[in-house]
């Protein structure tokens, strides 16, 4: 067997550097295993004598992956989850079962799994870590060609993705949670397991067990005691989410820092455990009235929630989708809890709403020059592509389109925010309650559920002040991102060669912000420093 890359490169995260808590972030992505045994196991799984070459794929945030070339000419992918990928055993066991179900039942082009082990201390696992050996998908990542495709070519890709999504929508499960092979989790069987076009289907190979979605393990949630499923009903599942967030706020010793919104003393928003618990108390009181009344939106489905350019492989000539990868951390959940607009759309413009008429090229574009014209043209094309996507969804998969419409509502946004209150969002959650109250009042006494909460004038004022401060924090982050350009630490990470320059640039920005904001009466530089998300 050809020598593997050096051990440091194998076990460590090497793709980028982290600005905040780099030691902890690296530890979450460090995994010890036996590369030679992994290669040997892969060779045996595909009938080869030995592995001739090992190439490490670019690091993902949650996994290590390697391309292994055999003496037969066959190439496979070996995947090893990092400690931050999710709960041990369940994450890998659910991923493999999900891939099998998606390939054999949902008729989706998913890599075939040749071998796997979900236990790192199994005496039969010589690799010393959880692993999956799977088929290497042919073709190229969609990212290689997407930006060069004409609109009609993008529509060809759209049509295929929507066809798969329609198939996913056609199968609804008799419960919620993670999908597993029946022999690998000790949970009561679901009979029937699912419904296909409304007809019950029994399938003894699979069962529903605890959720392996990362929202149940991120930011320390994996260490708390909570109900992780499986659940019989959407209300049980939704109550478990609220209870999980309450437990996280009460028992975990920190409120996570995040780079989506700048927090701090007045005039910024300062998160507290008390405000988070208040938002979650409101959630529990109003939950039943938030759920959609349309029964097609409360059924539970298996769905790929991360369809970005790197996870879709296509034939570069015919544009046929040859494979969809990365089925880790997928849970059976209500349609309205899934990412229903594919990530590869990369749309960052204003919400297009329900107006799906083809946009017109702005008249003023002719008077623009250079970069301004290029930006305006890109915005027009992006909007046109997004409208084409939504129009296809509306025409080919109406339930998915109705779910997207619900997600845009106050109720849909409240349900979305509730899943991450421990991290962020309580200020916007509480303000959205006011929107929902007004929406229900304007709808009339019989057309919508009664709004069950009452707020004093002082409550309303506090909610409005908090969301204004939160919005200021969001705007400041966006302005920082524009100012730093390629130096901006997306997801808290920067390229190795940009690390020192980014740190200096952020230090300058922080000093400027302190100088600009310190005149406010409630300002406290120590608090701002403590909540600054780009330094230890």
Protein backbone atom coordinates (compact mmCIF):
# COMPACT_ATOMS: atom_id res chain seq x y z
CA UNK A 1 0.00 0.00 0.00
CA UNK A 2 1.25 3.48 -0.86
CA UNK A 3 2.25 5.52 2.17
CA UNK A 4 -0.54 7.67 3.61
CA UNK A 5 -0.21 11.41 4.16
CA UNK A 6 1.55 12.32 7.41
CA UNK A 7 -0.38 11.72 10.62
CA UNK A 8 -0.82 15.42 11.45
CA UNK A 9 -2.46 16.08 8.10
CA UNK A 10 -4.74 13.08 8.56
CA UNK A 11 -5.98 13.80 12.06
CA UNK A 12 -6.07 17.58 12.16
CA UNK A 13 -8.26 20.22 10.54
CA UNK A 14 -5.92 21.91 8.07
CA UNK A 15 -8.18 23.84 5.69
CA UNK A 16 -8.39 27.14 7.60
CA UNK A 17 -7.85 28.87 10.95
CA UNK A 18 -10.36 29.97 13.57
CA UNK A 19 -10.43 33.44 15.10
CA UNK A 20 -12.35 32.49 18.25
CA UNK A 21 -11.43 29.58 20.49
CA UNK A 22 -9.05 28.08 17.95
CA UNK A 23 -7.76 25.41 20.32
CA UNK A 24 -11.27 24.21 21.13
CA UNK A 25 -12.36 24.39 17.49
CA UNK A 26 -9.38 22.32 16.38
CA UNK A 27 -10.00 19.75 19.12
CA UNK A 28 -13.58 19.32 17.87
CA UNK A 29 -12.14 18.42 14.47
CA UNK A 30 -9.25 16.20 15.60
CA UNK A 31 -9.77 12.45 15.29
CA UNK A 32 -7.27 9.62 15.80
CA UNK A 33 -7.56 6.52 13.60
CA UNK A 34 -5.51 3.91 11.77
CA UNK A 35 -5.21 4.96 8.12
CA UNK A 36 -3.64 1.67 7.03
CA UNK A 37 -6.50 -0.33 8.50
CA UNK A 38 -9.02 2.02 6.90
CA UNK A 39 -7.42 1.47 3.50
CA UNK A 40 -7.24 -2.29 4.04
CA UNK A 41 -10.89 -2.42 5.10
CA UNK A 42 -11.87 -0.44 2.02
CA UNK A 43 -9.92 -2.75 -0.27
CA UNK A 44 -11.62 -5.83 1.16
CA UNK A 45 -15.04 -4.19 0.89
CA UNK A 46 -14.70 -3.77 -2.89
CA UNK A 47 -12.85 -6.98 -3.70
CA UNK A 48 -9.43 -5.40 -4.19
CA UNK A 49 -6.12 -6.79 -2.95
CA UNK A 50 -4.65 -3.52 -1.78
CA UNK A 51 -4.96 0.24 -1.83
CA UNK A 52 -2.41 1.95 -4.06
CA UNK A 53 -3.00 5.61 -3.30
CA UNK A 54 -4.59 7.79 -0.61
CA UNK A 55 -5.62 11.39 -1.23
CA UNK A 56 -7.10 13.53 1.50
CA UNK A 57 -10.12 15.54 0.34
CA UNK A 58 -10.41 19.18 1.47
CA UNK A 59 -11.49 19.29 5.12
CA UNK A 60 -15.17 19.73 5.83
CA UNK A 61 -16.39 21.26 9.07
CA UNK A 62 -17.59 17.93 10.45
CA UNK A 63 -15.76 15.10 8.68
CA UNK A 64 -12.49 13.85 7.23
CA UNK A 65 -12.74 12.29 3.77
CA UNK A 66 -10.21 10.43 1.64
CA UNK A 67 -10.18 9.14 -1.90
CA UNK A 68 -8.69 5.65 -1.98
CA UNK A 69 -7.47 4.11 -5.25
CA UNK A 70 -7.32 0.32 -5.46
CA UNK A 71 -5.17 -2.04 -7.47
CA UNK A 72 -8.28 -2.92 -9.49
CA UNK A 73 -8.59 0.66 -10.69
CA UNK A 74 -11.65 1.28 -8.51
CA UNK A 75 -11.78 4.43 -6.39
CA UNK A 76 -13.84 4.83 -3.21
CA UNK A 77 -14.43 7.52 -0.62
CA UNK A 78 -13.68 6.88 3.04
CA UNK A 79 -15.41 9.20 5.50
CA UNK A 80 -14.61 9.61 9.20
CA UNK A 81 -16.74 11.89 11.39
CA UNK A 82 -15.07 14.46 13.62
CA UNK A 83 -16.10 14.72 17.29
CA UNK A 84 -18.32 17.71 16.39
CA UNK A 85 -20.26 15.76 13.73
CA UNK A 86 -22.90 14.70 16.24
CA UNK A 87 -23.63 12.06 18.85
CA UNK A 88 -21.32 9.04 18.62
CA UNK A 89 -22.82 5.95 17.01
CA UNK A 90 -26.17 7.53 16.16
CA UNK A 91 -24.73 10.01 13.65
CA UNK A 92 -23.04 7.33 11.52
CA UNK A 93 -25.74 4.67 11.97
CA UNK A 94 -28.46 7.09 10.88
CA UNK A 95 -26.44 8.45 7.96
CA UNK A 96 -25.89 5.00 6.47
CA UNK A 97 -29.55 3.99 6.83
CA UNK A 98 -30.68 7.34 5.41
CA UNK A 99 -28.43 6.90 2.37
CA UNK A 100 -29.80 3.40 1.76
CA UNK A 101 -33.41 4.55 2.07
CA UNK A 102 -32.85 7.57 -0.17
CA UNK A 103 -31.20 5.40 -2.82
CA UNK A 104 -33.52 2.38 -2.75
CA UNK A 105 -36.90 3.87 -1.78
CA UNK A 106 -36.72 7.56 -2.68
CA UNK A 107 -34.95 6.78 -5.97
CA UNK A 108 -32.34 9.48 -5.44
CA UNK A 109 -28.79 9.13 -6.83
CA UNK A 110 -26.92 8.50 -3.60
CA UNK A 111 -23.50 6.81 -3.25
CA UNK A 112 -23.64 3.11 -2.42
CA UNK A 113 -22.16 2.20 0.98
CA UNK A 114 -19.70 -0.72 0.84
CA UNK A 115 -18.71 -0.94 4.52
CA UNK A 116 -19.24 1.00 7.72
CA UNK A 117 -18.85 0.86 11.48
CA UNK A 118 -20.56 3.18 13.95
CA UNK A 119 -18.51 2.18 17.00
CA UNK A 120 -14.98 3.42 17.64
CA UNK A 121 -14.31 0.87 20.41
CA UNK A 122 -15.73 -2.22 18.75
CA UNK A 123 -13.20 -5.07 18.92
CA UNK A 124 -14.02 -5.77 15.30
CA UNK A 125 -13.21 -2.20 14.26
CA UNK A 126 -9.46 -2.11 13.62
CA UNK A 127 -9.74 1.43 12.22
CA UNK A 128 -10.25 2.83 15.71
CA UNK A 129 -12.90 5.35 14.65
CA UNK A 130 -16.35 5.40 13.12
CA UNK A 131 -16.18 5.23 9.33
CA UNK A 132 -18.13 4.84 6.10
CA UNK A 133 -16.65 3.41 2.90
CA UNK A 134 -18.77 4.50 -0.05
CA UNK A 135 -18.89 4.75 -3.81
CA UNK A 136 -17.01 7.62 -5.43
CA UNK A 137 -19.57 9.57 -7.46
CA UNK A 138 -18.59 10.29 -11.05
CA UNK A 139 -18.97 13.67 -12.71
CA UNK A 140 -17.98 17.08 -11.32
CA UNK A 141 -19.32 19.17 -8.45
CA UNK A 142 -22.00 21.59 -9.60
CA UNK A 143 -19.75 24.38 -8.29
CA UNK A 144 -17.29 23.72 -11.13
CA UNK A 145 -19.77 24.81 -13.80
CA UNK A 146 -22.71 26.59 -12.16
CA UNK A 147 -21.52 30.15 -12.72
CA UNK A 148 -20.94 29.49 -16.42
CA UNK A 149 -24.37 27.99 -17.08
CA UNK A 150 -27.00 29.86 -19.07
CA UNK A 151 -30.48 30.31 -17.49
CA UNK A 152 -31.99 27.52 -19.63
CA UNK A 153 -29.19 25.19 -18.49
CA UNK A 154 -29.83 26.05 -14.85
CA UNK A 155 -33.49 25.22 -15.44
CA UNK A 156 -32.40 21.78 -16.58
CA UNK A 157 -30.67 21.24 -13.24
CA UNK A 158 -33.68 22.72 -11.40
CA UNK A 159 -36.06 20.28 -13.06
CA UNK A 160 -34.05 17.30 -11.82
CA UNK A 161 -33.73 18.60 -8.25
CA UNK A 162 -37.45 19.38 -8.09
CA UNK A 163 -38.25 15.89 -9.36
CA UNK A 164 -36.27 14.41 -6.45
CA UNK A 165 -37.91 16.80 -3.99
CA UNK A 166 -41.34 15.79 -5.27
CA UNK A 167 -40.41 12.17 -4.59
CA UNK A 168 -39.27 13.07 -1.07
CA UNK A 169 -42.58 14.84 -0.52
CA UNK A 170 -44.55 11.81 -1.71
CA UNK A 171 -43.22 9.68 1.18
CA UNK A 172 -44.40 10.74 4.66
CA UNK A 173 -43.33 8.91 7.80
CA UNK A 174 -45.29 7.53 10.72
CA UNK A 175 -43.27 9.49 13.25
CA UNK A 176 -40.35 11.92 13.59
CA UNK A 177 -36.67 11.45 14.46
CA UNK A 178 -33.70 9.79 12.79
CA UNK A 179 -33.89 6.89 10.35
CA UNK A 180 -31.96 3.69 11.19
CA UNK A 181 -31.71 0.08 10.19
CA UNK A 182 -34.12 -1.74 12.47
CA UNK A 183 -31.45 -3.93 14.10
CA UNK A 184 -29.27 -0.99 15.14
CA UNK A 185 -31.52 0.95 17.53
CA UNK A 186 -33.74 -0.25 20.33
CA UNK A 187 -36.94 1.62 19.57
CA UNK A 188 -40.52 0.45 19.04
CA UNK A 189 -41.25 -0.40 15.42
CA UNK A 190 -43.31 1.96 13.32
CA UNK A 191 -46.00 0.03 11.49
CA UNK A 192 -46.52 1.18 8.88
CA UNK A 193 -43.15 2.89 8.59
CA UNK A 194 -44.35 5.40 6.03
CA UNK A 195 -47.10 6.40 3.64
CA UNK A 196 -46.56 6.67 -0.09
CA UNK A 197 -49.10 8.84 -1.88
CA UNK A 198 -51.32 8.23 1.16
CA UNK A 199 -50.99 4.43 1.13
CA UNK A 200 -49.43 2.70 4.19
CA UNK A 201 -46.13 0.89 3.55
CA UNK A 202 -44.48 -1.61 5.87
CA UNK A 203 -40.70 -1.90 5.68
CA UNK A 204 -39.05 -4.03 8.34
CA UNK A 205 -35.53 -3.01 7.31
CA UNK A 206 -35.85 0.48 8.80
CA UNK A 207 -37.15 2.14 11.93
CA UNK A 208 -37.33 5.62 13.43
CA UNK A 209 -35.05 6.36 16.37
CA UNK A 210 -33.47 9.37 18.09
CA UNK A 211 -32.74 12.40 15.95
CA UNK A 212 -29.14 12.75 14.79
CA UNK A 213 -29.61 16.30 13.53
CA UNK A 214 -26.85 18.59 14.77
CA UNK A 215 -29.30 21.00 16.38
CA UNK A 216 -29.53 18.32 19.10
CA UNK A 217 -25.76 18.34 19.75
CA UNK A 218 -24.36 21.76 18.71
CA UNK A 219 -22.97 24.17 21.32
CA UNK A 220 -22.97 21.57 24.10
CA UNK A 221 -26.52 20.30 23.55
CA UNK A 222 -25.11 16.80 23.05
CA UNK A 223 -24.24 16.70 26.76
CA UNK A 224 -27.64 17.67 28.17
CA UNK A 225 -30.45 15.33 29.18
CA UNK A 226 -33.40 15.85 26.85
CA UNK A 227 -35.95 14.01 24.73
CA UNK A 228 -34.22 13.31 21.40
CA UNK A 229 -37.01 11.23 19.94
CA UNK A 230 -38.43 9.37 18.25
CA UNK A 231 -41.71 11.25 18.45
CA UNK A 232 -45.20 10.19 17.45
CA UNK A 233 -46.55 13.61 16.58
CA UNK A 234 -45.45 17.07 15.48
CA UNK A 235 -46.62 18.56 18.78
CA UNK A 236 -44.44 16.11 20.77
CA UNK A 237 -41.47 16.91 18.53
CA UNK A 238 -42.04 20.65 18.86
CA UNK A 239 -42.42 20.52 22.65
CA UNK A 240 -39.16 18.57 22.84
CA UNK A 241 -37.41 21.38 20.94
CA UNK A 242 -38.63 23.97 23.43
CA UNK A 243 -37.69 21.78 26.40
CA UNK A 244 -34.24 21.18 24.92
CA UNK A 245 -33.57 24.90 24.53
CA UNK A 246 -34.77 25.61 28.07
CA UNK A 247 -32.48 22.90 29.45
CA UNK A 248 -29.54 24.24 27.44
CA UNK A 249 -30.06 27.80 28.72
CA UNK A 250 -30.41 26.63 32.33
CA UNK A 251 -27.62 24.05 32.48
CA UNK A 252 -24.87 25.06 30.05
CA UNK A 253 -22.44 27.56 31.50
CA UNK A 254 -22.18 29.90 28.53
CA UNK A 255 -24.25 31.79 26.01
CA UNK A 256 -22.56 31.04 22.67
CA UNK A 257 -20.94 33.88 20.76
CA UNK A 258 -21.94 34.21 17.12
CA UNK A 259 -20.96 36.39 14.18
CA UNK A 260 -24.44 36.96 12.74
CA UNK A 261 -25.14 39.88 15.06
CA UNK A 262 -22.88 42.15 17.07
CA UNK A 263 -23.92 42.10 20.74
CA UNK A 264 -22.97 44.40 23.57
CA UNK A 265 -24.19 47.11 25.92
CA UNK A 266 -26.48 49.96 24.88
CA UNK A 267 -27.03 50.79 22.01
CA UNK A 268 -26.49 47.10 21.08
CA UNK A 269 -28.53 44.11 22.20
CA UNK A 270 -27.16 42.15 25.15
CA UNK A 271 -28.42 38.56 25.38
CA UNK A 272 -29.26 37.15 28.79
CA UNK A 273 -30.51 33.79 30.03
CA UNK A 274 -33.60 35.57 31.41
CA UNK A 275 -34.60 36.94 27.99
CA UNK A 276 -34.03 33.57 26.35
CA UNK A 277 -36.16 31.78 28.94
CA UNK A 278 -38.90 34.38 28.56
CA UNK A 279 -38.97 33.79 24.79
CA UNK A 280 -39.14 30.03 25.36
CA UNK A 281 -41.97 30.46 27.89
CA UNK A 282 -43.92 32.37 25.25
CA UNK A 283 -43.11 29.60 22.76
CA UNK A 284 -44.56 26.90 24.99
CA UNK A 285 -47.72 28.94 25.58
CA UNK A 286 -48.36 29.70 21.91
CA UNK A 287 -46.98 26.56 20.26
CA UNK A 288 -50.24 24.85 19.34
CA UNK A 289 -51.52 27.96 17.58
CA UNK A 290 -48.31 28.32 15.54
CA UNK A 291 -48.59 24.99 13.74
CA UNK A 292 -49.97 25.11 10.19
CA UNK A 293 -53.59 24.10 9.74
CA UNK A 294 -52.93 22.61 6.29
CA UNK A 295 -52.45 18.86 7.02
CA UNK A 296 -50.03 18.49 4.09
CA UNK A 297 -47.60 20.76 5.95
CA UNK A 298 -47.55 18.79 9.20
CA UNK A 299 -46.57 15.42 7.71
CA UNK A 300 -42.97 14.31 8.32
CA UNK A 301 -40.41 13.76 5.57
CA UNK A 302 -36.81 12.82 4.92
CA UNK A 303 -35.09 15.72 3.16
CA UNK A 304 -31.59 16.77 2.15
CA UNK A 305 -31.19 20.18 3.80
CA UNK A 306 -27.80 21.16 2.41
CA UNK A 307 -28.05 21.09 -1.38
CA UNK A 308 -25.14 23.41 -2.05
CA UNK A 309 -22.89 23.30 -5.12
CA UNK A 310 -20.36 20.91 -3.60
CA UNK A 311 -22.93 18.26 -2.69
CA UNK A 312 -24.38 17.78 -6.17
CA UNK A 313 -22.35 16.01 -8.88
CA UNK A 314 -23.32 16.35 -12.52
CA UNK A 315 -22.23 15.28 -15.96
CA UNK A 316 -20.64 18.52 -17.24
CA UNK A 317 -21.90 17.89 -20.77
CA UNK A 318 -25.45 16.60 -20.33
CA UNK A 319 -26.00 18.26 -16.89
CA UNK A 320 -27.52 15.02 -15.62
CA UNK A 321 -27.29 14.78 -11.83
CA UNK A 322 -25.11 11.76 -11.10
CA UNK A 323 -25.00 11.90 -7.32
CA UNK A 324 -26.02 13.82 -4.21
CA UNK A 325 -23.64 13.45 -1.27
CA UNK A 326 -23.49 14.35 2.45
CA UNK A 327 -26.56 12.77 4.05
CA UNK A 328 -25.23 13.23 7.57
CA UNK A 329 -27.35 14.83 10.30
CA UNK A 330 -30.63 14.43 8.42
CA UNK A 331 -33.82 13.93 10.41
CA UNK A 332 -37.41 13.05 9.61
CA UNK A 333 -39.20 16.32 10.31
CA UNK A 334 -42.22 18.34 9.18
CA UNK A 335 -42.00 19.72 5.66
CA UNK A 336 -42.00 23.26 7.10
CA UNK A 337 -38.84 22.51 9.11
CA UNK A 338 -36.77 21.61 6.05
CA UNK A 339 -34.65 23.82 3.76
CA UNK A 340 -37.00 23.94 0.78
CA UNK A 341 -35.01 26.31 -1.43
CA UNK A 342 -31.83 24.60 -2.61
CA UNK A 343 -28.68 26.20 -1.20
CA UNK A 344 -27.01 26.29 -4.61
CA UNK A 345 -29.39 29.11 -5.59
CA UNK A 346 -27.24 31.34 -3.38
CA UNK A 347 -29.92 34.05 -3.52
CA UNK A 348 -29.17 37.04 -1.28
CA UNK A 349 -31.69 39.55 -2.60
CA UNK A 350 -34.98 40.70 -1.05
CA UNK A 351 -37.76 38.19 -0.51
CA UNK A 352 -39.54 37.69 -3.83
CA UNK A 353 -42.84 37.00 -2.03
CA UNK A 354 -45.68 35.56 -4.09
CA UNK A 355 -45.04 37.65 -7.21
CA UNK A 356 -43.56 35.15 -9.64
CA UNK A 357 -43.77 37.30 -12.76
CA UNK A 358 -40.56 37.38 -14.75
CA UNK A 359 -38.65 40.50 -13.67
CA UNK A 360 -37.89 43.28 -16.13
CA UNK A 361 -34.41 44.59 -16.64
CA UNK A 362 -34.21 47.94 -14.77
CA UNK A 363 -34.32 50.87 -17.20
CA UNK A 364 -31.58 52.73 -15.34
CA UNK A 365 -29.09 49.91 -15.95
CA UNK A 366 -28.16 51.48 -19.29
CA UNK A 367 -26.86 54.56 -17.52
CA UNK A 368 -24.65 52.60 -15.14
CA UNK A 369 -21.00 51.84 -15.77
CA UNK A 370 -18.39 49.38 -14.62
CA UNK A 371 -18.90 47.71 -11.28
CA UNK A 372 -22.29 49.33 -10.62
CA UNK A 373 -23.67 47.92 -13.86
CA UNK A 374 -22.24 44.47 -13.14
CA UNK A 375 -23.84 44.45 -9.67
CA UNK A 376 -27.24 45.57 -11.01
CA UNK A 377 -27.12 42.95 -13.76
CA UNK A 378 -26.20 40.20 -11.30
CA UNK A 379 -29.08 41.19 -8.99
CA UNK A 380 -31.49 41.02 -11.94
CA UNK A 381 -30.23 37.59 -13.05
CA UNK A 382 -30.24 36.21 -9.48
CA UNK A 383 -33.83 37.34 -8.99
CA UNK A 384 -34.89 35.88 -12.33
CA UNK A 385 -33.29 32.54 -11.44
CA UNK A 386 -34.96 32.53 -8.01
CA UNK A 387 -38.37 33.28 -9.55
CA UNK A 388 -37.85 30.48 -12.09
CA UNK A 389 -37.05 28.09 -9.24
CA UNK A 390 -40.09 29.05 -7.17
CA UNK A 391 -42.34 28.89 -10.25
CA UNK A 392 -41.16 25.35 -10.92
CA UNK A 393 -41.81 24.37 -7.29
CA UNK A 394 -45.30 25.91 -7.42
CA UNK A 395 -46.19 24.04 -10.60
CA UNK A 396 -44.54 20.68 -9.92
CA UNK A 397 -44.70 20.26 -6.13
CA UNK A 398 -47.51 22.41 -4.67
CA UNK A 399 -47.14 21.13 -1.08
CA UNK A 400 -43.51 22.26 -1.04
CA UNK A 401 -44.54 25.68 -2.36
CA UNK A 402 -47.23 26.03 0.34
CA UNK A 403 -44.61 25.08 2.94
CA UNK A 404 -42.31 27.84 1.63
CA UNK A 405 -45.19 30.31 1.92
CA UNK A 406 -45.81 29.20 5.50
CA UNK A 407 -42.11 29.60 6.35
CA UNK A 408 -42.40 33.26 5.29
CA UNK A 409 -45.28 33.90 7.72
CA UNK A 410 -44.92 35.16 11.28
CA UNK A 411 -45.81 31.68 12.58
CA UNK A 412 -43.25 30.05 10.29
CA UNK A 413 -40.52 32.45 11.36
CA UNK A 414 -41.32 31.93 15.03
CA UNK A 415 -41.07 28.15 14.64
CA UNK A 416 -37.76 28.57 12.81
CA UNK A 417 -36.22 30.86 15.44
CA UNK A 418 -37.36 28.64 18.31
CA UNK A 419 -34.90 25.91 17.28
CA UNK A 420 -31.83 28.03 18.11
CA UNK A 421 -32.89 30.31 20.97
CA UNK A 422 -29.98 29.08 23.11
CA UNK A 423 -27.61 30.59 20.54
CA UNK A 424 -29.46 33.63 19.19
CA UNK A 425 -32.78 34.98 18.00
CA UNK A 426 -34.76 35.68 21.15
CA UNK A 427 -35.01 39.42 20.43
CA UNK A 428 -36.43 38.80 16.97
CA UNK A 429 -38.63 36.01 18.32
CA UNK A 430 -40.25 38.29 20.89
CA UNK A 431 -40.75 41.06 18.31
CA UNK A 432 -42.35 38.60 15.89
CA UNK A 433 -44.92 37.79 18.56
CA UNK A 434 -46.13 41.38 18.20
CA UNK A 435 -46.39 40.91 14.43
CA UNK A 436 -48.36 37.71 14.92
CA UNK A 437 -50.65 39.39 17.43
CA UNK A 438 -51.46 42.14 14.92
CA UNK A 439 -51.78 39.63 12.06
CA UNK A 440 -54.32 37.58 14.02
CA UNK A 441 -56.24 40.69 15.08
CA UNK A 442 -56.52 41.87 11.47
CA UNK A 443 -57.56 38.43 10.24
CA UNK A 444 -60.87 38.51 12.11
CA UNK A 445 -62.27 36.35 14.91
CA UNK A 446 -63.01 33.22 12.86
CA UNK A 447 -60.26 32.98 10.23
CA UNK A 448 -57.27 32.33 12.51
CA UNK A 449 -56.55 30.86 15.97
CA UNK A 450 -56.91 33.29 18.84
CA UNK A 451 -53.67 34.91 19.96
CA UNK A 452 -53.24 33.53 23.50
CA UNK A 453 -50.71 35.98 24.94
CA UNK A 454 -51.15 39.38 26.52
CA UNK A 455 -48.44 42.03 26.79
CA UNK A 456 -48.30 45.14 28.91
CA UNK A 457 -47.20 48.45 27.43
CA UNK A 458 -43.87 47.98 29.22
CA UNK A 459 -43.48 44.50 27.63
CA UNK A 460 -44.12 45.91 24.17
CA UNK A 461 -41.67 48.77 24.66
CA UNK A 462 -38.95 46.37 25.88
CA UNK A 463 -39.53 44.05 22.91
CA UNK A 464 -39.35 46.90 20.42
CA UNK A 465 -36.19 48.35 21.98
CA UNK A 466 -34.48 44.96 22.02
CA UNK A 467 -35.22 44.19 18.38
CA UNK A 468 -34.03 47.66 17.32
CA UNK A 469 -30.78 47.03 19.13
CA UNK A 470 -30.50 43.55 17.61
CA UNK A 471 -31.09 44.97 14.13
CA UNK A 472 -28.32 47.51 14.72
CA UNK A 473 -26.01 44.59 15.57
CA UNK A 474 -26.99 42.82 12.34
CA UNK A 475 -26.36 45.94 10.27
CA UNK A 476 -22.95 46.46 11.87
CA UNK A 477 -21.93 42.90 11.05
CA UNK A 478 -23.01 43.37 7.42
CA UNK A 479 -21.05 46.61 7.14
CA UNK A 480 -18.00 44.88 8.63
CA UNK A 481 -18.35 42.06 6.10
CA UNK A 482 -18.47 44.55 3.22
CA UNK A 483 -15.49 46.45 4.57
CA UNK A 484 -13.27 43.40 5.07
CA UNK A 485 -14.20 41.76 1.76
CA UNK A 486 -12.11 38.62 1.19
CA UNK A 487 -10.70 38.91 4.72
CA UNK A 488 -14.12 38.38 6.28
CA UNK A 489 -14.09 35.30 8.60
CA UNK A 490 -17.00 33.31 7.20
CA UNK A 491 -18.25 30.94 9.94
CA UNK A 492 -15.43 32.25 12.11
CA UNK A 493 -12.71 30.92 9.79
CA UNK A 494 -10.11 32.50 7.51
CA UNK A 495 -7.51 31.21 5.08
CA UNK A 496 -4.12 30.56 6.69
CA UNK A 497 -2.43 33.29 4.68
CA UNK A 498 -5.08 35.85 5.72
CA UNK A 499 -5.11 35.09 9.46
CA UNK A 500 -2.79 37.84 10.73
CA UNK A 501 -4.18 40.48 8.37
CA UNK A 502 -7.77 39.61 9.35
CA UNK A 503 -6.94 39.81 13.05
CA UNK A 504 -5.41 43.26 12.58
CA UNK A 505 -8.34 44.48 10.47
CA UNK A 506 -10.87 43.31 13.05
CA UNK A 507 -8.85 44.90 15.84
CA UNK A 508 -9.04 48.23 14.01
CA UNK A 509 -12.79 47.84 13.45
CA UNK A 510 -13.32 47.04 17.12
CA UNK A 511 -11.40 50.12 18.24
CA UNK A 512 -13.42 52.29 15.85
CA UNK A 513 -16.71 50.85 17.10
CA UNK A 514 -15.77 51.43 20.73
CA UNK A 515 -14.86 55.02 19.93
CA UNK A 516 -18.14 55.50 18.04
CA UNK A 517 -20.48 53.85 20.56
CA UNK A 518 -18.94 54.77 23.90
CA UNK A 519 -20.90 58.04 24.11
CA UNK A 520 -24.12 56.13 24.86
CA UNK A 521 -25.19 56.31 28.48
CA UNK A 522 -25.33 52.54 29.00
CA UNK A 523 -21.99 51.82 27.37
CA UNK A 524 -19.55 49.44 29.06
CA UNK A 525 -16.37 48.63 27.13
CA UNK A 526 -15.65 45.54 29.26
CA UNK A 527 -19.02 44.03 28.30
CA UNK A 528 -18.44 44.81 24.62
CA UNK A 529 -15.00 43.18 24.77
CA UNK A 530 -16.46 40.10 26.45
CA UNK A 531 -19.15 39.67 23.77
CA UNK A 532 -16.92 40.51 20.78
CA UNK A 533 -17.10 37.34 18.62
CA UNK A 534 -13.69 37.55 16.95
CA UNK A 535 -11.26 37.25 19.88
CA UNK A 536 -10.70 34.80 22.72
